[in-house]
Amino acid sequence: MAGATAQSIVDSVGPSRPDWVDSTNKFLCRLYELNLIRAASPATAIEVVPPIDWTSFAAGDQPEIEVFDDLAQLILADPIHDVDAEAGWPMRKAA
């Protein structure tokens, strides 16, 4: 985002897509929660330049994110030490 603030992005959506303001704000908050973006320091924050023409997007194209974390525990497992000795991978040892 080249240092653009979340508020400047939300403000850029408002004039052409007022129905997207809430979903855009929620989307940016979710990206922040997932550590996919970070807050810029006030010294480096910029406004969205040039403004984005949001009217070129279809009404159903509101920003959204879908997280697939069904394999997260297996990815974090230590395949050498955390597996059930008899069952093998991907069965974890009983806690």
PDB file of N, CA and C in Angstrom:
ATOM      1  N   MET A   1       0.822  -1.192   0.000  1.00  0.00           N
ATOM      2  CA  MET A   1       0.000   0.000   0.000  1.00  0.00           C
ATOM      3  C   MET A   1       0.864   1.253   0.000  1.00  0.00           C
ATOM      4  N   ALA A   2       2.164   1.079  -0.048  1.00  0.00           N
ATOM      5  CA  ALA A   2       3.103   2.196  -0.143  1.00  0.00           C
ATOM      6  C   ALA A   2       2.904   3.225   0.954  1.00  0.00           C
ATOM      7  N   GLY A   3       2.544   2.777   2.149  1.00  0.00           N
ATOM      8  CA  GLY A   3       2.415   3.701   3.264  1.00  0.00           C
ATOM      9  C   GLY A   3       1.070   4.392   3.384  1.00  0.00           C
ATOM     10  N   ALA A   4       0.095   4.007   2.585  1.00  0.00           N
ATOM     11  CA  ALA A   4      -1.237   4.608   2.689  1.00  0.00           C
ATOM     12  C   ALA A   4      -1.885   4.176   4.000  1.00  0.00           C
ATOM     13  N   THR A   5      -2.592   5.086   4.643  1.00  0.00           N
ATOM     14  CA  THR A   5      -3.278   4.730   5.883  1.00  0.00           C
ATOM     15  C   THR A   5      -4.572   3.992   5.554  1.00  0.00           C
ATOM     16  N   ALA A   6      -5.017   3.189   6.502  1.00  0.00           N
ATOM     17  CA  ALA A   6      -6.282   2.476   6.315  1.00  0.00           C
ATOM     18  C   ALA A   6      -7.414   3.477   6.111  1.00  0.00           C
ATOM     19  N   GLN A   7      -7.390   4.567   6.875  1.00  0.00           N
ATOM     20  CA  GLN A   7      -8.450   5.565   6.751  1.00  0.00           C
ATOM     21  C   GLN A   7      -8.452   6.209   5.376  1.00  0.00           C
ATOM     22  N   SER A   8      -7.266   6.465   4.792  1.00  0.00           N
ATOM     23  CA  SER A   8      -7.226   7.068   3.455  1.00  0.00           C
ATOM     24  C   SER A   8      -7.772   6.101   2.405  1.00  0.00           C
ATOM     25  N   ILE A   9      -7.564   4.807   2.608  1.00  0.00           N
ATOM     26  CA  ILE A   9      -8.127   3.823   1.677  1.00  0.00           C
ATOM     27  C   ILE A   9      -9.642   3.798   1.805  1.00  0.00           C
ATOM     28  N   VAL A  10     -10.123   3.747   3.038  1.00  0.00           N
ATOM     29  CA  VAL A  10     -11.584   3.747   3.262  1.00  0.00           C
ATOM     30  C   VAL A  10     -12.183   5.032   2.715  1.00  0.00           C
ATOM     31  N   ASP A  11     -11.524   6.169   2.943  1.00  0.00           N
ATOM     32  CA  ASP A  11     -12.027   7.451   2.432  1.00  0.00           C
ATOM     33  C   ASP A  11     -12.059   7.475   0.906  1.00  0.00           C
ATOM     34  N   SER A  12     -11.130   6.783   0.254  1.00  0.00           N
ATOM     35  CA  SER A  12     -11.112   6.771  -1.209  1.00  0.00           C
ATOM     36  C   SER A  12     -12.256   5.935  -1.779  1.00  0.00           C
ATOM     37  N   VAL A  13     -12.752   4.985  -0.992  1.00  0.00           N
ATOM     38  CA  VAL A  13     -13.860   4.136  -1.430  1.00  0.00           C
ATOM     39  C   VAL A  13     -15.189   4.880  -1.322  1.00  0.00           C
ATOM     40  N   GLY A  14     -15.346   5.670  -0.278  1.00  0.00           N
ATOM     41  CA  GLY A  14     -16.608   6.316   0.054  1.00  0.00           C
ATOM     42  C   GLY A  14     -17.320   7.069  -1.050  1.00  0.00           C
ATOM     43  N   PRO A  15     -16.653   7.968  -1.775  1.00  0.00           N
ATOM     44  CA  PRO A  15     -17.370   8.768  -2.769  1.00  0.00           C
ATOM     45  C   PRO A  15     -18.022   7.953  -3.891  1.00  0.00           C
ATOM     46  N   SER A  16     -17.342   6.908  -4.384  1.00  0.00           N
ATOM     47  CA  SER A  16     -17.903   6.159  -5.502  1.00  0.00           C
ATOM     48  C   SER A  16     -18.612   4.879  -5.082  1.00  0.00           C
ATOM     49  N   ARG A  17     -18.281   4.326  -3.915  1.00  0.00           N
ATOM     50  CA  ARG A  17     -18.903   3.091  -3.430  1.00  0.00           C
ATOM     51  C   ARG A  17     -19.227   3.213  -1.940  1.00  0.00           C
ATOM     52  N   PRO A  18     -20.190   4.051  -1.572  1.00  0.00           N
ATOM     53  CA  PRO A  18     -20.501   4.213  -0.150  1.00  0.00           C
ATOM     54  C   PRO A  18     -20.960   2.916   0.521  1.00  0.00           C
ATOM     55  N   ASP A  19     -21.520   1.997  -0.261  1.00  0.00           N
ATOM     56  CA  ASP A  19     -21.959   0.711   0.298  1.00  0.00           C
ATOM     57  C   ASP A  19     -20.782  -0.201   0.630  1.00  0.00           C
ATOM     58  N   TRP A  20     -19.590   0.149   0.196  1.00  0.00           N
ATOM     59  CA  TRP A  20     -18.395  -0.654   0.464  1.00  0.00           C
ATOM     60  C   TRP A  20     -17.588  -0.169   1.661  1.00  0.00           C
ATOM     61  N   VAL A  21     -17.910   0.985   2.214  1.00  0.00           N
ATOM     62  CA  VAL A  21     -17.097   1.576   3.273  1.00  0.00           C
ATOM     63  C   VAL A  21     -16.957   0.619   4.456  1.00  0.00           C
ATOM     64  N   ASP A  22     -18.054   0.058   4.928  1.00  0.00           N
ATOM     65  CA  ASP A  22     -18.013  -0.836   6.084  1.00  0.00           C
ATOM     66  C   ASP A  22     -17.219  -2.105   5.770  1.00  0.00           C
ATOM     67  N   SER A  23     -17.480  -2.718   4.616  1.00  0.00           N
ATOM     68  CA  SER A  23     -16.772  -3.960   4.284  1.00  0.00           C
ATOM     69  C   SER A  23     -15.285  -3.704   4.028  1.00  0.00           C
ATOM     70  N   THR A  24     -14.934  -2.551   3.486  1.00  0.00           N
ATOM     71  CA  THR A  24     -13.527  -2.216   3.270  1.00  0.00           C
ATOM     72  C   THR A  24     -12.814  -2.033   4.604  1.00  0.00           C
ATOM     73  N   ASN A  25     -13.467  -1.366   5.537  1.00  0.00           N
ATOM     74  CA  ASN A  25     -12.885  -1.175   6.859  1.00  0.00           C
ATOM     75  C   ASN A  25     -12.690  -2.520   7.558  1.00  0.00           C
ATOM     76  N   LYS A  26     -13.694  -3.393   7.498  1.00  0.00           N
ATOM     77  CA  LYS A  26     -13.582  -4.720   8.100  1.00  0.00           C
ATOM     78  C   LYS A  26     -12.466  -5.532   7.436  1.00  0.00           C
ATOM     79  N   PHE A  27     -12.369  -5.425   6.108  1.00  0.00           N
ATOM     80  CA  PHE A  27     -11.328  -6.134   5.361  1.00  0.00           C
ATOM     81  C   PHE A  27      -9.935  -5.698   5.814  1.00  0.00           C
ATOM     82  N   LEU A  28      -9.714  -4.399   5.918  1.00  0.00           N
ATOM     83  CA  LEU A  28      -8.416  -3.890   6.342  1.00  0.00           C
ATOM     84  C   LEU A  28      -8.108  -4.292   7.781  1.00  0.00           C
ATOM     85  N   CYS A  29      -9.115  -4.257   8.653  1.00  0.00           N
ATOM     86  CA  CYS A  29      -8.915  -4.701  10.041  1.00  0.00           C
ATOM     87  C   CYS A  29      -8.527  -6.174  10.080  1.00  0.00           C
ATOM     88  N   ARG A  30      -9.161  -6.986   9.253  1.00  0.00           N
ATOM     89  CA  ARG A  30      -8.858  -8.427   9.225  1.00  0.00           C
ATOM     90  C   ARG A  30      -7.443  -8.673   8.699  1.00  0.00           C
ATOM     91  N   LEU A  31      -7.024  -7.936   7.677  1.00  0.00           N
ATOM     92  CA  LEU A  31      -5.658  -8.061   7.169  1.00  0.00           C
ATOM     93  C   LEU A  31      -4.646  -7.718   8.256  1.00  0.00           C
ATOM     94  N   TYR A  32      -4.963  -6.690   9.047  1.00  0.00           N
ATOM     95  CA  TYR A  32      -4.084  -6.290  10.148  1.00  0.00           C
ATOM     96  C   TYR A  32      -4.035  -7.379  11.215  1.00  0.00           C
ATOM     97  N   GLU A  33      -5.198  -7.950  11.564  1.00  0.00           N
ATOM     98  CA  GLU A  33      -5.258  -9.024  12.558  1.00  0.00           C
ATOM     99  C   GLU A  33      -4.429 -10.237  12.121  1.00  0.00           C
ATOM    100  N   LEU A  34      -4.406 -10.516  10.829  1.00  0.00           N
ATOM    101  CA  LEU A  34      -3.671 -11.665  10.294  1.00  0.00           C
ATOM    102  C   LEU A  34      -2.197 -11.349  10.034  1.00  0.00           C
ATOM    103  N   ASN A  35      -1.769 -10.145  10.404  1.00  0.00           N
ATOM    104  CA  ASN A  35      -0.390  -9.686  10.207  1.00  0.00           C
ATOM    105  C   ASN A  35       0.012  -9.669   8.736  1.00  0.00           C
ATOM    106  N   LEU A  36      -0.936  -9.397   7.858  1.00  0.00           N
ATOM    107  CA  LEU A  36      -0.637  -9.295   6.431  1.00  0.00           C
ATOM    108  C   LEU A  36      -0.298  -7.863   6.033  1.00  0.00           C
ATOM    109  N   ILE A  37      -0.725  -6.909   6.853  1.00  0.00           N
ATOM    110  CA  ILE A  37      -0.344  -5.508   6.684  1.00  0.00           C
ATOM    111  C   ILE A  37       0.024  -4.983   8.067  1.00  0.00           C
ATOM    112  N   ARG A  38       0.688  -3.866   8.097  1.00  0.00           N
ATOM    113  CA  ARG A  38       1.014  -3.237   9.376  1.00  0.00           C
ATOM    114  C   ARG A  38       0.757  -1.743   9.260  1.00  0.00           C
ATOM    115  N   ALA A  39       0.566  -1.125  10.404  1.00  0.00           N
ATOM    116  CA  ALA A  39       0.315   0.311  10.433  1.00  0.00           C
ATOM    117  C   ALA A  39       1.593   1.054  10.066  1.00  0.00           C
ATOM    118  N   ALA A  40       1.450   2.049   9.224  1.00  0.00           N
ATOM    119  CA  ALA A  40       2.595   2.879   8.855  1.00  0.00           C
ATOM    120  C   ALA A  40       2.830   3.892   9.961  1.00  0.00           C
ATOM    121  N   SER A  41       4.070   4.277  10.143  1.00  0.00           N
ATOM    122  CA  SER A  41       4.350   5.328  11.116  1.00  0.00           C
ATOM    123  C   SER A  41       3.781   6.638  10.571  1.00  0.00           C
ATOM    124  N   PRO A  42       3.359   7.531  11.467  1.00  0.00           N
ATOM    125  CA  PRO A  42       2.784   8.797  10.991  1.00  0.00           C
ATOM    126  C   PRO A  42       3.715   9.569  10.059  1.00  0.00           C
ATOM    127  N   ALA A  43       5.015   9.426  10.250  1.00  0.00           N
ATOM    128  CA  ALA A  43       5.974  10.152   9.408  1.00  0.00           C
ATOM    129  C   ALA A  43       5.982   9.648   7.971  1.00  0.00           C
ATOM    130  N   THR A  44       5.640   8.372   7.745  1.00  0.00           N
ATOM    131  CA  THR A  44       5.697   7.813   6.393  1.00  0.00           C
ATOM    132  C   THR A  44       4.324   7.632   5.765  1.00  0.00           C
ATOM    133  N   ALA A  45       3.254   7.904   6.513  1.00  0.00           N
ATOM    134  CA  ALA A  45       1.898   7.713   5.989  1.00  0.00           C
ATOM    135  C   ALA A  45       1.621   8.689   4.853  1.00  0.00           C
ATOM    136  N   ILE A  46       0.953   8.187   3.824  1.00  0.00           N
ATOM    137  CA  ILE A  46       0.578   9.020   2.679  1.00  0.00           C
ATOM    138  C   ILE A  46      -0.908   8.870   2.418  1.00  0.00           C
ATOM    139  N   GLU A  47      -1.436   9.746   1.621  1.00  0.00           N
ATOM    140  CA  GLU A  47      -2.812   9.608   1.165  1.00  0.00           C
ATOM    141  C   GLU A  47      -2.794   8.724  -0.080  1.00  0.00           C
ATOM    142  N   VAL A  48      -3.940   8.153  -0.433  1.00  0.00           N
ATOM    143  CA  VAL A  48      -4.017   7.309  -1.627  1.00  0.00           C
ATOM    144  C   VAL A  48      -3.888   8.210  -2.849  1.00  0.00           C
ATOM    145  N   VAL A  49      -2.760   8.092  -3.547  1.00  0.00           N
ATOM    146  CA  VAL A  49      -2.494   8.909  -4.733  1.00  0.00           C
ATOM    147  C   VAL A  49      -1.975   7.993  -5.818  1.00  0.00           C
ATOM    148  N   PRO A  50      -2.498   7.981  -7.005  1.00  0.00           N
ATOM    149  CA  PRO A  50      -3.712   8.689  -7.397  1.00  0.00           C
ATOM    150  C   PRO A  50      -4.948   7.985  -6.850  1.00  0.00           C
ATOM    151  N   PRO A  51      -6.063   8.709  -6.771  1.00  0.00           N
ATOM    152  CA  PRO A  51      -7.285   8.069  -6.275  1.00  0.00           C
ATOM    153  C   PRO A  51      -7.695   6.902  -7.171  1.00  0.00           C
ATOM    154  N   ILE A  52      -8.209   5.866  -6.555  1.00  0.00           N
ATOM    155  CA  ILE A  52      -8.623   4.680  -7.295  1.00  0.00           C
ATOM    156  C   ILE A  52     -10.050   4.877  -7.789  1.00  0.00           C
ATOM    157  N   ASP A  53     -10.305   4.512  -9.047  1.00  0.00           N
ATOM    158  CA  ASP A  53     -11.655   4.601  -9.598  1.00  0.00           C
ATOM    159  C   ASP A  53     -12.408   3.329  -9.231  1.00  0.00           C
ATOM    160  N   TRP A  54     -13.103   3.355  -8.104  1.00  0.00           N
ATOM    161  CA  TRP A  54     -13.819   2.182  -7.607  1.00  0.00           C
ATOM    162  C   TRP A  54     -15.060   1.864  -8.433  1.00  0.00           C
ATOM    163  N   THR A  55     -15.497   2.778  -9.291  1.00  0.00           N
ATOM    164  CA  THR A  55     -16.694   2.519 -10.099  1.00  0.00           C
ATOM    165  C   THR A  55     -16.441   1.469 -11.164  1.00  0.00           C
ATOM    166  N   SER A  56     -15.183   1.186 -11.460  1.00  0.00           N
ATOM    167  CA  SER A  56     -14.876   0.173 -12.481  1.00  0.00           C
ATOM    168  C   SER A  56     -15.076  -1.249 -11.948  1.00  0.00           C
ATOM    169  N   PHE A  57     -15.274  -1.398 -10.639  1.00  0.00           N
ATOM    170  CA  PHE A  57     -15.497  -2.708 -10.046  1.00  0.00           C
ATOM    171  C   PHE A  57     -16.992  -2.986  -9.962  1.00  0.00           C
ATOM    172  N   ALA A  58     -17.382  -4.221 -10.163  1.00  0.00           N
ATOM    173  CA  ALA A  58     -18.794  -4.605 -10.070  1.00  0.00           C
ATOM    174  C   ALA A  58     -19.255  -4.510  -8.620  1.00  0.00           C
ATOM    175  N   ALA A  59     -20.551  -4.340  -8.430  1.00  0.00           N
ATOM    176  CA  ALA A  59     -21.109  -4.179  -7.090  1.00  0.00           C
ATOM    177  C   ALA A  59     -20.800  -5.363  -6.180  1.00  0.00           C
ATOM    178  N   GLY A  60     -20.675  -6.552  -6.725  1.00  0.00           N
ATOM    179  CA  GLY A  60     -20.404  -7.738  -5.928  1.00  0.00           C
ATOM    180  C   GLY A  60     -18.933  -7.969  -5.632  1.00  0.00           C
ATOM    181  N   ASP A  61     -18.068  -7.041  -6.050  1.00  0.00           N
ATOM    182  CA  ASP A  61     -16.626  -7.209  -5.880  1.00  0.00           C
ATOM    183  C   ASP A  61     -16.086  -6.607  -4.590  1.00  0.00           C
ATOM    184  N   GLN A  62     -16.912  -6.516  -3.555  1.00  0.00           N
ATOM    185  CA  GLN A  62     -16.453  -5.946  -2.295  1.00  0.00           C
ATOM    186  C   GLN A  62     -15.259  -6.734  -1.775  1.00  0.00           C
ATOM    187  N   PRO A  63     -14.324  -6.052  -1.100  1.00  0.00           N
ATOM    188  CA  PRO A  63     -13.148  -6.770  -0.598  1.00  0.00           C
ATOM    189  C   PRO A  63     -13.518  -7.751   0.503  1.00  0.00           C
ATOM    190  N   GLU A  64     -12.937  -8.917   0.425  1.00  0.00           N
ATOM    191  CA  GLU A  64     -13.149  -9.930   1.453  1.00  0.00           C
ATOM    192  C   GLU A  64     -11.942 -10.849   1.471  1.00  0.00           C
ATOM    193  N   ILE A  65     -11.756 -11.535   2.575  1.00  0.00           N
ATOM    194  CA  ILE A  65     -10.645 -12.468   2.700  1.00  0.00           C
ATOM    195  C   ILE A  65     -11.184 -13.751   3.307  1.00  0.00           C
ATOM    196  N   GLU A  66     -10.719 -14.851   2.778  1.00  0.00           N
ATOM    197  CA  GLU A  66     -11.111 -16.161   3.302  1.00  0.00           C
ATOM    198  C   GLU A  66      -9.841 -16.856   3.774  1.00  0.00           C
ATOM    199  N   VAL A  67      -9.853 -17.310   5.008  1.00  0.00           N
ATOM    200  CA  VAL A  67      -8.687 -17.935   5.607  1.00  0.00           C
ATOM    201  C   VAL A  67      -8.913 -19.435   5.670  1.00  0.00           C
ATOM    202  N   PHE A  68      -7.959 -20.186   5.144  1.00  0.00           N
ATOM    203  CA  PHE A  68      -8.006 -21.638   5.200  1.00  0.00           C
ATOM    204  C   PHE A  68      -6.962 -22.089   6.216  1.00  0.00           C
ATOM    205  N   ASP A  69      -7.414 -22.412   7.419  1.00  0.00           N
ATOM    206  CA  ASP A  69      -6.470 -22.799   8.463  1.00  0.00           C
ATOM    207  C   ASP A  69      -6.710 -24.217   8.959  1.00  0.00           C
ATOM    208  N   ASP A  70      -7.377 -25.031   8.145  1.00  0.00           N
ATOM    209  CA  ASP A  70      -7.705 -26.389   8.567  1.00  0.00           C
ATOM    210  C   ASP A  70      -6.469 -27.277   8.719  1.00  0.00           C
ATOM    211  N   LEU A  71      -5.355 -26.902   8.120  1.00  0.00           N
ATOM    212  CA  LEU A  71      -4.134 -27.697   8.232  1.00  0.00           C
ATOM    213  C   LEU A  71      -3.091 -27.051   9.145  1.00  0.00           C
ATOM    214  N   ALA A  72      -3.456 -25.976   9.825  1.00  0.00           N
ATOM    215  CA  ALA A  72      -2.498 -25.219  10.630  1.00  0.00           C
ATOM    216  C   ALA A  72      -1.807 -26.086  11.676  1.00  0.00           C
ATOM    217  N   GLN A  73      -2.546 -26.936  12.373  1.00  0.00           N
ATOM    218  CA  GLN A  73      -1.930 -27.767  13.406  1.00  0.00           C
ATOM    219  C   GLN A  73      -0.941 -28.765  12.811  1.00  0.00           C
ATOM    220  N   LEU A  74      -1.245 -29.296  11.643  1.00  0.00           N
ATOM    221  CA  LEU A  74      -0.315 -30.236  11.011  1.00  0.00           C
ATOM    222  C   LEU A  74       0.947 -29.535  10.539  1.00  0.00           C
ATOM    223  N   ILE A  75       0.805 -28.313  10.075  1.00  0.00           N
ATOM    224  CA  ILE A  75       1.974 -27.567   9.615  1.00  0.00           C
ATOM    225  C   ILE A  75       2.887 -27.237  10.792  1.00  0.00           C
ATOM    226  N   LEU A  76       2.300 -26.939  11.941  1.00  0.00           N
ATOM    227  CA  LEU A  76       3.092 -26.602  13.129  1.00  0.00           C
ATOM    228  C   LEU A  76       3.667 -27.822  13.838  1.00  0.00           C
ATOM    229  N   ALA A  77       3.207 -28.995  13.485  1.00  0.00           N
ATOM    230  CA  ALA A  77       3.675 -30.215  14.151  1.00  0.00           C
ATOM    231  C   ALA A  77       5.125 -30.495  13.782  1.00  0.00           C
ATOM    232  N   ASP A  78       5.841 -31.063  14.708  1.00  0.00           N
ATOM    233  CA  ASP A  78       7.204 -31.503  14.463  1.00  0.00           C
ATOM    234  C   ASP A  78       7.102 -32.955  13.986  1.00  0.00           C
ATOM    235  N   PRO A  79       7.265 -33.211  12.687  1.00  0.00           N
ATOM    236  CA  PRO A  79       7.006 -34.551  12.154  1.00  0.00           C
ATOM    237  C   PRO A  79       7.927 -35.642  12.699  1.00  0.00           C
ATOM    238  N   ILE A  80       9.034 -35.282  13.287  1.00  0.00           N
ATOM    239  CA  ILE A  80       9.942 -36.281  13.839  1.00  0.00           C
ATOM    240  C   ILE A  80       9.561 -36.631  15.275  1.00  0.00           C
ATOM    241  N   HIS A  81       9.208 -35.615  16.056  1.00  0.00           N
ATOM    242  CA  HIS A  81       9.024 -35.810  17.491  1.00  0.00           C
ATOM    243  C   HIS A  81       7.571 -35.800  17.958  1.00  0.00           C
ATOM    244  N   ASP A  82       6.661 -35.212  17.206  1.00  0.00           N
ATOM    245  CA  ASP A  82       5.288 -35.045  17.673  1.00  0.00           C
ATOM    246  C   ASP A  82       4.294 -36.028  17.078  1.00  0.00           C
ATOM    247  N   VAL A  83       4.748 -37.055  16.424  1.00  0.00           N
ATOM    248  CA  VAL A  83       3.823 -37.996  15.803  1.00  0.00           C
ATOM    249  C   VAL A  83       3.656 -39.237  16.674  1.00  0.00           C
ATOM    250  N   ASP A  84       2.526 -39.875  16.520  1.00  0.00           N
ATOM    251  CA  ASP A  84       2.282 -41.135  17.199  1.00  0.00           C
ATOM    252  C   ASP A  84       3.228 -42.173  16.594  1.00  0.00           C
ATOM    253  N   ALA A  85       4.001 -42.840  17.423  1.00  0.00           N
ATOM    254  CA  ALA A  85       5.021 -43.771  16.944  1.00  0.00           C
ATOM    255  C   ALA A  85       4.428 -44.916  16.128  1.00  0.00           C
ATOM    256  N   GLU A  86       3.254 -45.400  16.502  1.00  0.00           N
ATOM    257  CA  GLU A  86       2.650 -46.531  15.790  1.00  0.00           C
ATOM    258  C   GLU A  86       1.847 -46.098  14.583  1.00  0.00           C
ATOM    259  N   ALA A  87       1.095 -45.018  14.716  1.00  0.00           N
ATOM    260  CA  ALA A  87       0.229 -44.575  13.617  1.00  0.00           C
ATOM    261  C   ALA A  87       1.009 -43.822  12.552  1.00  0.00           C
ATOM    262  N   GLY A  88       2.086 -43.121  12.947  1.00  0.00           N
ATOM    263  CA  GLY A  88       2.887 -42.367  11.985  1.00  0.00           C
ATOM    264  C   GLY A  88       2.243 -41.056  11.589  1.00  0.00           C
ATOM    265  N   TRP A  89       2.884 -40.395  10.657  1.00  0.00           N
ATOM    266  CA  TRP A  89       2.403 -39.109  10.152  1.00  0.00           C
ATOM    267  C   TRP A  89       1.103 -39.305   9.414  1.00  0.00           C
ATOM    268  N   PRO A  90       0.117 -38.443   9.579  1.00  0.00           N
ATOM    269  CA  PRO A  90       0.069 -37.175  10.278  1.00  0.00           C
ATOM    270  C   PRO A  90      -0.598 -37.264  11.656  1.00  0.00           C
ATOM    271  N   MET A  91      -0.618 -38.400  12.267  1.00  0.00           N
ATOM    272  CA  MET A  91      -1.265 -38.553  13.571  1.00  0.00           C
ATOM    273  C   MET A  91      -0.349 -38.040  14.672  1.00  0.00           C
ATOM    274  N   ARG A  92      -0.822 -37.025  15.418  1.00  0.00           N
ATOM    275  CA  ARG A  92      -0.024 -36.448  16.499  1.00  0.00           C
ATOM    276  C   ARG A  92      -0.098 -37.328  17.751  1.00  0.00           C
ATOM    277  N   LYS A  93       0.915 -37.238  18.582  1.00  0.00           N
ATOM    278  CA  LYS A  93       0.918 -37.926  19.868  1.00  0.00           C
ATOM    279  C   LYS A  93      -0.194 -37.376  20.720  1.00  0.00           C
ATOM    280  N   ALA A  94      -0.767 -38.245  21.534  1.00  0.00           N
ATOM    281  CA  ALA A  94      -1.801 -37.791  22.481  1.00  0.00           C
ATOM    282  C   ALA A  94      -1.133 -36.883  23.502  1.00  0.00           C
ATOM    283  N   ALA A  95      -1.799 -35.813  23.852  1.00  0.00           N
ATOM    284  CA  ALA A  95      -1.236 -34.835  24.786  1.00  0.00           C
ATOM    285  C   ALA A  95      -1.204 -35.324  26.211  1.00  0.00           C
TER     286      ALA A  95
END
